[in-house]
Amino acid sequence: MARKYDIPKTFEIDSEIADRLATQSLKQHYNYTVEDLDNFVLHQKGHPDDYDHNLKLKHALEIVLDYYGV
C-alpha cells in the first residue's frame, strides 16, 4: 500500500453534479429557514427581526429553487 496518495489540487465536476449540489444546499437552507419560522410562531423562540428576515429569505429561496426546477 502506498505511504501517501497523490491528490490533485483541482478537479472537475460536470454541470449536472454542480446543479445537484447547489439545489441540495438550497433545499437544506430552505428547511433551516422554515424550521426557524416555525420555532418563532409555535414556540416564541427567536427575535422578531429574524422572523422578518427569514420570511424574505424563504421567499428568495423559493424563487431560486423554482429557477432550478425543484
Protein backbone atom coordinates (compact mmCIF):
# COMPACT_ATOMS: atom_id res chain seq x y z
CA MET A 1 0.00 0.00 0.00
CA ALA A 2 1.18 3.49 -0.80
CA ARG A 3 2.55 5.55 2.04
CA LYS A 4 0.96 8.72 0.61
CA TYR A 5 -1.58 9.27 -2.15
CA ASP A 6 -1.06 11.85 -4.84
CA ILE A 7 -4.07 14.15 -4.62
CA PRO A 8 -4.64 16.65 -7.42
CA LYS A 9 -5.00 20.26 -6.37
CA THR A 10 -8.06 20.72 -8.60
CA PHE A 11 -10.73 18.53 -10.10
CA GLU A 12 -13.69 18.97 -12.39
CA ILE A 13 -17.35 18.14 -11.99
CA ASP A 14 -19.96 18.30 -14.70
CA SER A 15 -22.79 20.82 -14.68
CA GLU A 16 -25.39 18.23 -13.63
CA ILE A 17 -23.46 17.43 -10.45
CA ALA A 18 -22.91 21.14 -9.77
CA ASP A 19 -26.66 21.79 -10.11
CA ARG A 20 -27.48 18.88 -7.80
CA LEU A 21 -25.02 20.19 -5.19
CA ALA A 22 -26.50 23.67 -5.46
CA THR A 23 -30.11 22.51 -5.15
CA GLN A 24 -29.29 20.21 -2.24
CA SER A 25 -27.67 23.10 -0.39
CA LEU A 26 -30.56 25.46 -1.19
CA LYS A 27 -33.10 22.89 0.00
CA GLN A 28 -31.21 22.47 3.26
CA HIS A 29 -31.13 26.24 3.83
CA TYR A 30 -34.83 26.41 2.99
CA ASN A 31 -35.57 23.72 5.58
CA TYR A 32 -33.49 25.54 8.21
CA THR A 33 -35.38 28.76 7.46
CA VAL A 34 -38.79 27.10 7.71
CA GLU A 35 -37.73 25.47 10.98
CA ASP A 36 -36.70 28.87 12.38
CA LEU A 37 -40.03 30.37 11.28
CA ASP A 38 -41.93 27.51 12.91
CA ASN A 39 -39.97 27.91 16.14
CA PHE A 40 -40.82 31.60 16.25
CA VAL A 41 -44.52 31.14 15.53
CA LEU A 42 -45.16 27.98 17.54
CA HIS A 43 -42.71 28.32 20.43
CA GLN A 44 -41.94 32.08 20.55
CA LYS A 45 -38.23 31.33 20.06
CA GLY A 46 -36.21 33.94 18.22
CA HIS A 47 -36.27 37.64 17.54
CA PRO A 48 -38.96 39.46 15.53
CA ASP A 49 -36.30 40.95 13.23
CA ASP A 50 -35.04 37.45 12.47
CA TYR A 51 -38.59 36.38 11.67
CA ASP A 52 -38.96 39.20 9.12
CA HIS A 53 -35.57 38.36 7.59
CA ASN A 54 -36.41 34.65 7.41
CA LEU A 55 -39.71 35.37 5.64
CA LYS A 56 -37.81 37.30 2.97
CA LEU A 57 -35.15 34.59 2.79
CA LYS A 58 -37.78 31.86 2.42
CA HIS A 59 -39.36 33.73 -0.47
CA ALA A 60 -35.99 34.27 -2.16
CA LEU A 61 -35.05 30.60 -1.78
CA GLU A 62 -38.38 29.60 -3.31
CA ILE A 63 -37.61 31.78 -6.34
CA VAL A 64 -34.15 30.27 -6.82
CA LEU A 65 -35.38 26.69 -6.27
CA ASP A 66 -38.14 27.33 -8.80
CA TYR A 67 -35.49 28.51 -11.26
CA TYR A 68 -33.70 25.17 -10.80
CA GLY A 69 -36.99 23.39 -11.43
CA VAL A 70 -37.35 21.98 -7.93
